[in-house]
Protein backbone atom coordinates (compact mmCIF):
# COMPACT_ATOMS: atom_id res chain seq x y z
CA MET A 1 -4.87 -15.64 -29.62
CA ARG A 2 -1.44 -16.11 -28.03
CA ASP A 3 -0.48 -12.47 -28.57
CA ALA A 4 -3.56 -11.38 -26.61
CA LEU A 5 -3.10 -13.72 -23.65
CA TRP A 6 -0.91 -11.41 -21.59
CA ARG A 7 -3.58 -8.69 -21.81
CA MET A 8 -6.23 -10.87 -20.13
CA THR A 9 -7.06 -10.64 -16.44
CA ALA A 10 -5.59 -13.26 -14.15
CA ALA A 11 -9.07 -14.70 -13.63
CA ALA A 12 -9.63 -15.01 -17.38
CA GLN A 13 -6.18 -16.54 -17.90
CA ALA A 14 -6.82 -19.20 -15.25
CA GLU A 15 -10.26 -19.99 -16.67
CA ALA A 16 -8.81 -20.36 -20.18
CA VAL A 17 -6.22 -22.84 -18.88
CA ARG A 18 -8.72 -24.81 -16.78
CA THR A 19 -11.11 -25.18 -19.72
CA ALA A 20 -8.32 -26.05 -22.20
CA GLU A 21 -9.04 -22.98 -24.29
CA VAL A 22 -5.29 -22.43 -24.14
CA SER A 23 -2.46 -24.41 -22.65
CA ALA A 24 -0.53 -23.20 -19.64
CA VAL A 25 2.62 -23.32 -21.77
CA GLU A 26 1.03 -21.00 -24.34
CA LEU A 27 0.07 -18.60 -21.56
CA ILE A 28 3.60 -18.54 -20.14
CA ASP A 29 5.14 -18.13 -23.59
CA SER A 30 2.88 -15.16 -24.29
CA HIS A 31 4.19 -13.45 -21.16
CA LEU A 32 7.79 -14.39 -21.93
CA ASP A 33 7.37 -12.75 -25.35
CA ARG A 34 6.00 -9.65 -23.65
CA ILE A 35 8.93 -9.60 -21.22
CA ALA A 36 11.40 -9.86 -24.09
CA GLU A 37 9.70 -6.91 -25.78
CA VAL A 38 9.17 -4.64 -22.79
CA ASN A 39 11.62 -5.44 -20.00
CA PRO A 40 14.67 -3.95 -21.78
CA ARG A 41 12.81 -0.62 -21.63
CA VAL A 42 11.70 -0.72 -17.99
CA ASN A 43 14.12 -3.11 -16.22
CA ALA A 44 11.51 -4.49 -13.83
CA VAL A 45 12.05 -8.27 -14.02
CA THR A 46 15.45 -9.14 -12.59
CA GLN A 47 15.83 -12.93 -12.60
CA LEU A 48 13.79 -14.40 -15.42
CA LEU A 49 12.70 -17.98 -14.68
CA ALA A 50 11.77 -18.87 -18.24
CA GLU A 51 12.61 -22.57 -18.35
CA ARG A 52 11.37 -23.21 -14.83
CA ALA A 53 8.11 -21.46 -15.69
CA ARG A 54 7.68 -23.46 -18.90
CA ALA A 55 8.33 -26.70 -17.01
CA ALA A 56 5.76 -25.79 -14.33
CA ALA A 57 3.25 -24.91 -17.03
CA ALA A 58 3.87 -28.21 -18.80
CA ARG A 59 3.15 -30.07 -15.54
CA LEU A 60 -0.15 -28.20 -15.24
CA ASP A 61 -1.07 -29.17 -18.80
CA ARG A 62 -0.32 -32.82 -18.07
CA ARG A 63 -2.45 -32.71 -14.93
CA ARG A 64 -5.34 -31.18 -16.83
CA ALA A 65 -5.01 -33.80 -19.60
CA ALA A 66 -5.16 -36.50 -16.90
CA GLY A 67 -8.48 -35.11 -15.69
CA GLU A 68 -7.22 -33.37 -12.54
CA ALA A 69 -8.95 -30.21 -11.37
CA LEU A 70 -6.63 -27.20 -11.48
CA GLY A 71 -6.51 -24.39 -8.96
CA PRO A 72 -8.05 -20.91 -9.09
CA LEU A 73 -4.82 -19.41 -10.50
CA ALA A 74 -4.02 -22.21 -12.95
CA GLY A 75 -1.13 -21.15 -15.16
CA VAL A 76 -1.19 -17.49 -14.09
CA PRO A 77 2.33 -16.01 -14.15
CA PHE A 78 3.45 -13.86 -11.23
CA THR A 79 6.59 -12.01 -10.25
CA VAL A 80 8.10 -12.15 -6.78
CA LYS A 81 9.86 -9.28 -5.06
CA GLU A 82 13.64 -9.71 -5.07
CA SER A 83 13.59 -9.95 -1.25
CA THR A 84 11.13 -12.89 -1.12
CA ALA A 85 12.29 -16.47 -1.40
CA VAL A 86 11.62 -18.64 -4.45
CA GLU A 87 13.00 -22.15 -4.05
CA GLY A 88 16.26 -22.68 -5.92
CA VAL A 89 16.65 -19.02 -6.88
CA PRO A 90 18.96 -16.46 -5.23
CA THR A 91 17.21 -14.00 -2.92
CA THR A 92 19.64 -11.22 -3.74
CA PHE A 93 17.98 -8.18 -2.14
CA GLY A 94 19.48 -6.36 -5.10
CA THR A 95 22.98 -6.37 -3.64
CA GLU A 96 26.15 -7.99 -4.94
CA ARG A 97 26.86 -9.54 -1.54
CA PHE A 98 23.79 -11.83 -1.79
CA ARG A 99 24.04 -12.78 -5.47
CA GLY A 100 24.55 -16.41 -4.45
CA LEU A 101 22.02 -16.59 -1.57
CA VAL A 102 19.92 -19.42 -3.05
CA ALA A 103 16.60 -19.98 -1.29
CA PRO A 104 16.13 -23.53 0.06
CA ALA A 105 12.32 -23.23 -0.03
CA ASP A 106 9.51 -20.99 -1.20
CA ALA A 107 8.38 -18.28 1.19
CA PRO A 108 4.87 -19.07 2.47
CA PRO A 109 3.04 -16.66 0.13
CA VAL A 110 4.95 -17.99 -2.88
CA ALA A 111 4.05 -21.53 -1.83
CA ARG A 112 0.37 -20.59 -1.50
CA LEU A 113 0.24 -18.98 -4.93
CA ARG A 114 2.06 -21.94 -6.46
CA ALA A 115 -0.36 -24.39 -4.77
CA ALA A 116 -3.23 -22.50 -6.42
CA GLY A 117 -1.65 -23.11 -9.82
CA ALA A 118 0.16 -19.80 -10.31
CA VAL A 119 3.63 -19.89 -11.88
CA PRO A 120 6.59 -17.75 -10.72
CA ILE A 121 8.03 -16.16 -13.86
CA GLY A 122 10.74 -13.95 -12.36
CA HIS A 123 11.83 -11.71 -9.53
CA GLY A 124 10.94 -8.03 -9.41
CA ASN A 125 13.51 -5.29 -8.82
CA ILE A 126 13.73 -3.40 -5.51
CA PRO A 127 15.80 -0.64 -3.91
CA THR A 128 19.02 -2.20 -2.62
CA LEU A 129 18.25 -4.23 0.53
CA ILE A 130 14.80 -2.52 0.48
CA LEU A 131 16.60 0.27 2.38
CA ALA A 132 18.12 2.53 -0.27
CA GLY A 133 14.97 4.62 -0.70
CA MET A 134 11.50 4.69 -2.23
CA HIS A 135 12.79 4.62 -5.81
CA THR A 136 13.40 1.16 -7.25
CA ARG A 137 17.13 1.19 -7.94
CA SER A 138 19.36 -1.68 -6.85
CA GLU A 139 23.11 -2.08 -6.79
CA LEU A 140 22.83 -5.39 -8.63
CA PHE A 141 20.18 -4.59 -11.26
CA GLY A 142 20.04 -0.81 -11.67
CA ASP A 143 16.99 1.47 -12.10
CA THR A 144 13.44 0.40 -12.86
CA VAL A 145 11.54 2.83 -15.10
CA ASN A 146 7.99 4.07 -14.60
CA PRO A 147 6.17 2.94 -17.78
CA TRP A 148 4.00 6.06 -17.80
CA ASP A 149 6.88 8.51 -17.71
CA GLY A 150 10.56 7.67 -17.57
CA SER A 151 11.32 10.87 -15.65
CA ARG A 152 9.20 9.72 -12.68
CA THR A 153 9.88 6.96 -10.19
CA PRO A 154 7.74 3.82 -10.26
CA GLY A 155 7.86 3.93 -6.46
CA GLY A 156 8.98 1.14 -4.20
CA SER A 157 10.06 -0.90 -2.65
CA SER A 158 7.88 -3.31 -4.69
CA GLY A 159 8.42 -1.20 -7.80
CA GLY A 160 9.63 -3.98 -10.09
CA ASP A 161 6.52 -6.03 -9.45
CA ALA A 162 4.22 -3.04 -9.99
CA VAL A 163 5.86 -2.23 -13.33
CA ALA A 164 5.75 -5.88 -14.42
CA VAL A 165 2.02 -6.03 -13.73
CA ALA A 166 1.29 -2.61 -15.25
CA THR A 167 3.01 -3.48 -18.52
CA GLY A 168 1.56 -6.97 -18.92
CA MET A 169 4.74 -8.89 -18.18
CA ALA A 170 2.94 -10.71 -15.34
CA ALA A 171 -0.68 -10.93 -14.32
CA LEU A 172 0.13 -10.67 -10.61
CA GLY A 173 2.99 -9.40 -8.49
CA LEU A 174 3.91 -10.41 -4.95
CA GLY A 175 5.41 -7.54 -2.95
CA ASN A 176 5.49 -6.55 0.69
CA ASP A 177 4.63 -3.39 2.54
CA SER A 178 5.75 -1.88 5.85
CA GLY A 179 4.79 1.72 5.11
CA GLY A 180 3.61 1.92 1.52
CA SER A 181 5.88 -0.45 -0.42
CA VAL A 182 2.96 -2.10 -2.24
CA ARG A 183 0.49 0.77 -2.31
CA ILE A 184 2.84 3.55 -3.51
CA PRO A 185 4.11 1.70 -6.60
CA ALA A 186 0.51 0.66 -7.25
CA GLN A 187 -0.52 4.33 -7.39
CA PHE A 188 2.53 5.44 -9.36
CA CYS A 189 2.08 2.66 -11.96
CA GLY A 190 -1.70 2.66 -12.25
CA VAL A 191 -2.48 -0.77 -10.75
CA ALA A 192 -4.25 -2.10 -7.66
CA GLY A 193 -2.43 -3.27 -4.54
CA LEU A 194 -3.35 -4.78 -1.19
CA LYS A 195 -1.60 -4.36 2.14
CA PRO A 196 -3.38 -6.87 4.38
CA SER A 197 -3.92 -6.75 8.12
CA THR A 198 -1.00 -7.82 10.26
CA GLY A 199 -1.49 -11.57 10.67
CA ARG A 200 -3.75 -12.09 7.65
CA PHE A 201 -1.14 -13.71 5.34
CA PRO A 202 1.51 -16.12 6.63
CA ALA A 203 5.10 -15.11 5.98
CA ASP A 204 8.64 -16.01 6.95
CA HIS A 205 11.20 -13.24 6.56
CA ARG A 206 14.11 -15.19 8.08
CA VAL A 207 16.16 -14.98 4.90
CA PHE A 208 19.59 -14.69 6.50
CA GLY A 209 19.40 -17.48 9.08
CA PRO A 210 17.29 -19.07 11.81
CA ASP A 211 16.84 -15.98 13.98
CA ASP A 212 13.67 -13.92 13.83
CA PRO A 213 13.86 -10.12 13.51
CA GLY A 214 12.79 -7.68 16.23
CA PRO A 215 9.24 -6.54 17.04
CA ALA A 216 9.05 -3.75 14.46
CA SER A 217 10.08 -6.02 11.60
CA GLN A 218 7.73 -8.71 12.85
CA MET A 219 4.72 -6.41 13.11
CA LEU A 220 5.16 -3.92 10.27
CA VAL A 221 6.10 -6.03 7.24
CA THR A 222 3.18 -7.67 5.43
CA ASP A 223 3.32 -9.44 2.09
CA GLY A 224 0.74 -8.25 -0.42
CA PRO A 225 -0.33 -8.73 -4.04
CA LEU A 226 -0.46 -6.32 -6.99
CA ALA A 227 -2.85 -6.74 -9.91
CA ARG A 228 -4.35 -4.76 -12.77
CA SER A 229 -7.91 -5.18 -11.51
CA VAL A 230 -9.57 -5.40 -8.12
CA GLY A 231 -11.13 -8.72 -9.12
CA ASP A 232 -7.67 -10.21 -9.63
CA LEU A 233 -6.52 -8.67 -6.35
CA ARG A 234 -9.45 -10.39 -4.60
CA LEU A 235 -8.54 -13.70 -6.23
CA ALA A 236 -4.97 -13.43 -4.94
CA TYR A 237 -6.25 -12.38 -1.50
CA GLU A 238 -8.41 -15.49 -1.22
CA VAL A 239 -5.43 -17.69 -2.07
CA LEU A 240 -2.95 -15.94 0.23
CA ALA A 241 -5.16 -15.71 3.34
CA GLY A 242 -4.75 -18.46 5.92
CA THR A 243 -2.32 -19.98 8.36
CA ASP A 244 1.02 -21.75 8.12
CA PRO A 245 3.05 -23.46 10.84
CA ARG A 246 6.06 -21.38 9.82
CA ASP A 247 4.27 -18.22 10.93
CA PRO A 248 2.53 -18.27 14.33
CA ARG A 249 1.45 -14.66 13.73
CA ALA A 250 -1.01 -15.71 11.03
CA VAL A 251 -4.45 -16.13 12.55
CA PRO A 252 -7.38 -18.26 11.29
CA VAL A 253 -9.80 -15.39 10.68
CA PRO A 254 -12.36 -15.96 7.89
CA ALA A 255 -11.50 -14.15 4.66
CA TYR A 256 -14.99 -12.64 4.62
CA GLY A 257 -16.75 -11.10 7.61
CA GLU A 258 -20.41 -10.56 8.37
CA PRO A 259 -22.19 -7.94 6.25
CA LEU A 260 -22.56 -4.58 7.99
CA PRO A 261 -26.04 -3.19 8.59
CA GLY A 262 -27.23 -0.28 6.44
CA PRO A 263 -25.03 1.77 4.12
CA VAL A 264 -21.36 1.38 5.07
CA LYS A 265 -19.95 4.62 6.46
CA VAL A 266 -16.79 5.92 4.80
CA ALA A 267 -14.66 8.64 6.41
CA VAL A 268 -12.88 10.87 3.89
CA VAL A 269 -9.57 12.57 4.75
CA ALA A 270 -7.83 14.08 1.73
CA ASP A 271 -5.00 15.73 3.72
CA PRO A 272 -4.02 13.54 6.69
CA GLY A 273 -2.48 15.64 9.44
CA GLY A 274 -3.03 18.85 7.48
CA HIS A 275 0.50 18.77 6.03
CA GLY A 276 -0.59 19.54 2.49
CA VAL A 277 -1.82 17.61 -0.53
CA HIS A 278 -1.35 18.17 -4.27
CA PRO A 279 -4.48 19.33 -6.13
CA THR A 280 -4.53 16.28 -8.40
CA VAL A 281 -4.41 13.96 -5.38
CA ARG A 282 -7.19 15.91 -3.65
CA ALA A 283 -9.20 15.64 -6.86
CA ALA A 284 -8.62 11.88 -7.00
CA VAL A 285 -9.96 11.50 -3.46
CA ALA A 286 -13.01 13.59 -4.37
CA THR A 287 -13.60 11.51 -7.51
CA ALA A 288 -13.40 8.28 -5.52
CA ALA A 289 -15.74 9.70 -2.88
CA ASP A 290 -18.31 10.51 -5.57
CA ALA A 291 -17.99 6.98 -6.96
CA LEU A 292 -18.65 5.49 -3.52
CA ARG A 293 -21.67 7.77 -3.00
CA ASP A 294 -23.01 6.62 -6.33
CA ALA A 295 -22.54 3.02 -5.16
CA GLY A 296 -24.64 3.64 -2.05
CA TYR A 297 -21.97 4.22 0.57
CA ASP A 298 -22.50 6.76 3.37
CA VAL A 299 -19.54 9.01 2.59
CA ARG A 300 -18.62 11.68 5.14
CA GLU A 301 -15.71 14.09 5.32
CA VAL A 302 -14.10 14.05 8.76
CA PRO A 303 -11.52 16.43 10.28
CA ASP A 304 -8.59 13.99 10.41
CA VAL A 305 -7.34 10.51 11.23
CA PRO A 306 -6.35 9.64 14.81
CA ARG A 307 -2.97 10.66 16.28
CA LEU A 308 -1.12 10.83 12.98
CA ASP A 309 1.93 12.85 14.01
CA GLU A 310 2.32 10.87 17.23
CA ALA A 311 2.16 7.64 15.25
CA LEU A 312 4.74 8.83 12.72
CA ASP A 313 7.13 9.81 15.52
CA ALA A 314 6.69 6.47 17.31
CA TYR A 315 7.13 4.54 14.06
CA GLY A 316 10.41 6.32 13.37
CA ARG A 317 11.80 5.96 16.88
CA ILE A 318 10.89 2.28 17.22
CA THR A 319 12.32 1.29 13.83
CA VAL A 320 15.52 3.30 14.30
CA THR A 321 16.08 1.81 17.76
CA GLU A 322 15.65 -1.72 16.45
CA PHE A 323 17.84 -1.08 13.42
CA ALA A 324 20.67 0.90 15.03
CA PRO A 325 22.86 -2.03 16.22
CA SER A 326 23.12 -3.50 12.71
CA TRP A 327 23.46 -0.23 10.82
CA PRO A 328 27.30 -0.05 10.76
CA VAL A 329 27.39 -3.37 8.90
CA VAL A 330 24.26 -2.89 6.80
CA ARG A 331 25.37 0.45 5.39
CA THR A 332 28.43 -1.21 3.87
CA LEU A 333 26.11 -3.46 1.79
CA LEU A 334 24.12 -0.65 0.22
CA GLY A 335 26.57 0.43 -2.45
CA LYS A 336 27.65 3.95 -3.33
CA GLY A 337 25.09 6.46 -2.02
CA GLY A 338 22.70 3.69 -1.03
CA ASP A 339 23.04 4.54 2.65
CA ARG A 340 21.82 8.13 2.34
CA TYR A 341 18.11 7.45 2.85
CA ILE A 342 18.45 5.50 6.09
CA GLY A 343 21.50 7.49 7.15
CA MET A 344 19.49 10.73 7.24
CA ALA A 345 16.88 9.02 9.44
CA MET A 346 19.55 7.71 11.80
CA GLU A 347 21.07 11.19 12.12
CA ARG A 348 17.75 12.81 12.94
CA THR A 349 16.34 10.15 15.28
CA PRO A 350 18.74 8.72 17.88
CA PRO A 351 17.98 5.26 19.28
CA ALA A 352 15.72 5.24 22.34
CA SER A 353 16.88 4.02 25.74
CA ALA A 354 15.43 0.79 27.11
CA ASP A 355 12.96 2.72 29.29
CA ALA A 356 11.92 4.96 26.40
CA PHE A 357 11.53 1.98 24.11
CA MET A 358 9.17 0.30 26.57
CA LYS A 359 7.06 3.46 26.68
CA LEU A 360 7.03 3.57 22.89
CA MET A 361 5.67 0.04 22.78
CA GLY A 362 2.86 1.16 25.08
CA SER A 363 2.20 4.15 22.83
CA TRP A 364 2.02 1.80 19.87
CA LEU A 365 -0.81 -0.14 21.49
CA GLY A 366 -2.59 3.07 22.47
CA ILE A 367 -2.44 4.38 18.90
CA ARG A 368 -3.80 1.08 17.60
CA ARG A 369 -6.64 1.39 20.11
CA SER A 370 -7.47 4.89 18.90
CA TRP A 371 -7.61 3.65 15.31
CA ALA A 372 -9.78 0.68 16.29
CA GLU A 373 -12.23 3.11 17.89
CA PHE A 374 -12.16 5.36 14.80
CA LEU A 375 -12.81 2.43 12.47
CA HIS A 376 -15.58 1.18 14.76
CA GLU A 377 -17.38 4.44 13.96
CA TYR A 378 -16.30 4.51 10.31
CA PRO A 379 -15.65 0.99 8.97
CA LEU A 380 -13.80 2.45 5.97
CA LEU A 381 -11.45 5.37 5.43
CA LEU A 382 -10.83 6.94 2.02
CA GLY A 383 -7.60 8.90 1.60
CA PRO A 384 -4.47 9.35 -0.50
CA VAL A 385 -1.78 6.75 -1.03
CA PHE A 386 0.88 9.39 -1.64
CA THR A 387 -0.03 13.06 -1.36
CA GLU A 388 1.73 14.01 -4.61
CA PRO A 389 1.82 12.66 -8.15
CA PRO A 390 4.81 10.38 -8.90
CA VAL A 391 8.01 12.25 -8.05
CA GLU A 392 11.42 12.14 -9.67
CA PRO A 393 13.68 9.11 -9.05
CA GLY A 394 15.84 9.34 -5.93
CA LEU A 395 14.21 12.46 -4.46
CA GLU A 396 14.18 10.86 -1.00
CA SER A 397 17.95 10.23 -1.08
CA ARG A 398 19.03 13.53 -2.65
CA ASP A 399 18.95 15.72 0.45
CA ARG A 400 17.02 16.22 3.67
CA PRO A 401 14.23 18.37 2.16
CA GLY A 402 13.69 15.68 -0.47
CA ARG A 403 13.59 12.97 2.16
CA ASP A 404 11.15 14.93 4.31
CA ARG A 405 8.93 15.57 1.31
CA VAL A 406 8.71 11.87 0.49
CA ALA A 407 8.18 10.88 4.13
CA SER A 408 5.32 13.37 4.33
CA GLY A 409 3.84 12.16 1.06
CA MET A 410 3.55 8.55 2.28
CA ARG A 411 2.28 9.44 5.76
CA LEU A 412 -1.10 7.70 5.55
CA CYS A 413 0.61 4.53 4.35
CA THR A 414 3.08 4.73 7.24
CA VAL A 415 0.48 5.14 9.95
CA THR A 416 -1.83 2.43 8.62
CA SER A 417 1.08 -0.01 8.52
CA PHE A 418 1.91 1.02 12.09
CA VAL A 419 -1.60 0.20 13.32
CA GLY A 420 -1.79 -3.03 11.31
CA VAL A 421 -4.99 -2.39 9.36
CA PRO A 422 -5.63 -3.31 5.72
CA GLY A 423 -5.45 -0.91 2.80
CA VAL A 424 -6.28 -1.31 -0.89
CA ALA A 425 -4.79 1.06 -3.46
CA VAL A 426 -7.01 1.54 -6.51
CA PRO A 427 -6.57 3.79 -9.57
CA THR A 428 -8.99 6.64 -10.22
CA GLY A 429 -7.79 7.83 -13.64
CA THR A 430 -4.96 10.00 -14.94
CA ALA A 431 -3.88 13.63 -14.63
CA ASP A 432 -1.21 15.22 -16.82
CA GLY A 433 -0.50 11.80 -18.31
CA LEU A 434 0.24 10.16 -14.94
CA PRO A 435 -1.92 7.68 -13.02
CA CYS A 436 -3.87 8.83 -9.98
CA GLY A 437 -5.20 6.68 -7.17
CA VAL A 438 -6.50 6.44 -3.63
CA GLN A 439 -6.50 3.92 -0.85
CA ILE A 440 -9.38 2.38 1.07
CA VAL A 441 -8.42 1.54 4.66
CA GLY A 442 -10.56 -0.74 6.80
CA ARG A 443 -10.95 -2.42 10.15
CA ALA A 444 -8.46 -5.14 11.02
CA PHE A 445 -9.22 -8.33 9.09
CA ARG A 446 -11.92 -6.67 6.97
CA GLU A 447 -10.00 -6.70 3.72
CA ASP A 448 -13.29 -7.80 2.17
CA LEU A 449 -14.86 -4.40 2.93
CA CYS A 450 -11.84 -2.62 1.42
CA LEU A 451 -11.99 -4.77 -1.71
CA ASP A 452 -15.74 -4.22 -2.08
CA ALA A 453 -15.27 -0.44 -1.95
CA ALA A 454 -12.31 -0.55 -4.31
CA GLN A 455 -14.40 -2.63 -6.72
CA ALA A 456 -17.15 0.00 -6.60
CA ILE A 457 -14.60 2.67 -7.51
CA GLU A 458 -13.13 0.58 -10.32
CA ASP A 459 -16.59 -0.23 -11.70
CA ARG A 460 -17.27 3.49 -12.12
CA LEU A 461 -13.81 4.76 -13.09
CA GLY A 462 -12.29 1.90 -15.08
CA VAL A 463 -8.95 0.08 -15.32
CA LEU A 464 -5.80 1.85 -16.53
CA THR A 465 -3.45 -0.97 -17.48
CA PRO A 466 -1.77 -2.82 -19.20
CA VAL A 467 0.17 0.06 -20.68
CA ASP A 468 2.88 0.27 -23.31
CA PRO A 469 5.96 1.98 -21.84
CA ARG A 470 7.91 4.82 -23.31
CA ALA A 471 11.07 5.29 -21.28
CA GLY A 472 11.84 8.76 -22.58
CA GLY A 473 8.60 10.42 -21.56
CA ARG A 474 4.87 10.00 -21.11
CA SER A 475 3.50 6.64 -22.23
CA GLY A 476 1.01 5.97 -24.95
CA ARG A 477 -2.60 5.16 -24.23
CA GLY A 478 -3.14 2.27 -21.84
CA LEU A 479 -4.68 -1.05 -22.81
CA GLY A 480 -7.16 -1.24 -19.95
CA SER A 481 -10.95 -1.22 -20.07
CA GLY A 482 -10.99 1.93 -22.13
CA SER A 483 -8.70 0.58 -24.88
CA ARG A 484 -8.43 -2.92 -26.21
CA SER A 485 -5.92 -2.40 -29.02
CA GLY A 486 -2.24 -1.78 -28.45
CA GLN A 487 -0.03 0.98 -29.73
CA ALA A 488 3.47 0.44 -30.98
CA LEU A 489 6.26 0.87 -28.47
CA THR A 490 8.24 4.03 -29.10
CA SER A 491 11.57 5.26 -27.85
């Protein structure tokens, strides 16, 4: 039984612990065994919290033995992005400079997961300072490997958490997303991921001191979970939603809204902005659209999303302007070559003047209004996460054409982060041995509609992971709904 525990869904793991079918310690040990077997091949878990996790699990077992009711995530192990605080553990950001930056308290989403019974089992690798690129490679911990194909990036910046979930080293991952950092690794690794509405989950990103960041960092960065199934993603969503006095941005909106009348309309845009889309990605969108039609949704192809190019330009100019004063210092922390990704953006987009910045803030609101009007007509939008299959590691930092290609590929993620609406990445299958996926975007604070649609897709197309990694090439068959028996790991 213990060997099979890590393969179970998070919901099933928690139920088994609550009902004493297994102990929380057994569940954690099963995952620690899986980490020992797999992590040397993929390098996703950076700071393993083995003894702390066992101790937390033992406390849960004692509470259950005493007759206490356990939470909805009782005993479920989760990883935490290397940039998010876990009490008593360094928040290194993947850089040597912060190796000793021990967190005095859990970040709000970590605290909420822990309060629900979940157990932090380790940190997940990231690009250095989250700024070195889309590929998960940090100065402190090195490269994380895509378990499906070692020659392709797992994405980022929450790549370590996506790989940990995809390979069964953790049932859940906690990442964050300001332009695709949860959804892109979800697509590239064959798992599900949620970027919530701005203000849905409480957070506190003041890692380096008491001062809050500027408006772009406050509005764009949202913490979000990764899971192997949409049901587990929903479970994490229900735990993470709410308010916290440490975050006045978090609003007390119900996790579930009123049902919409009639069949829910879904707008389909396979090629946002008309900048090009790979045939396998277009096919994934078409497959997901057919699944939603079969589920009773009113699926309609539309010409495009609102004001995409204008939004991308405003996003770039606002973030560069906010970031420019600290760049001379920050670039020294990124390690050799780690400054190329942001450096190319700084060269292309000069900081805006004060007057121009004020106008950009007005444009930001206008673009959000246009999207609100679009989503009033179409409560859901179906489109790509990334408009190509997983690309090679470091493409975005290699040269300007590579950077432009990656920026174009993530464009729907970027604009939906900019307008603050929720998006759920969900797998649709595989092509050429690599996972494919789409995202469902919804109205602000209607994550429930996105999750419902993603569940309809998953119900018809299946679950891809957990998967056994093969670092040298394409992975073996996954251990998701289509396969319940593992294959031996191979070099």
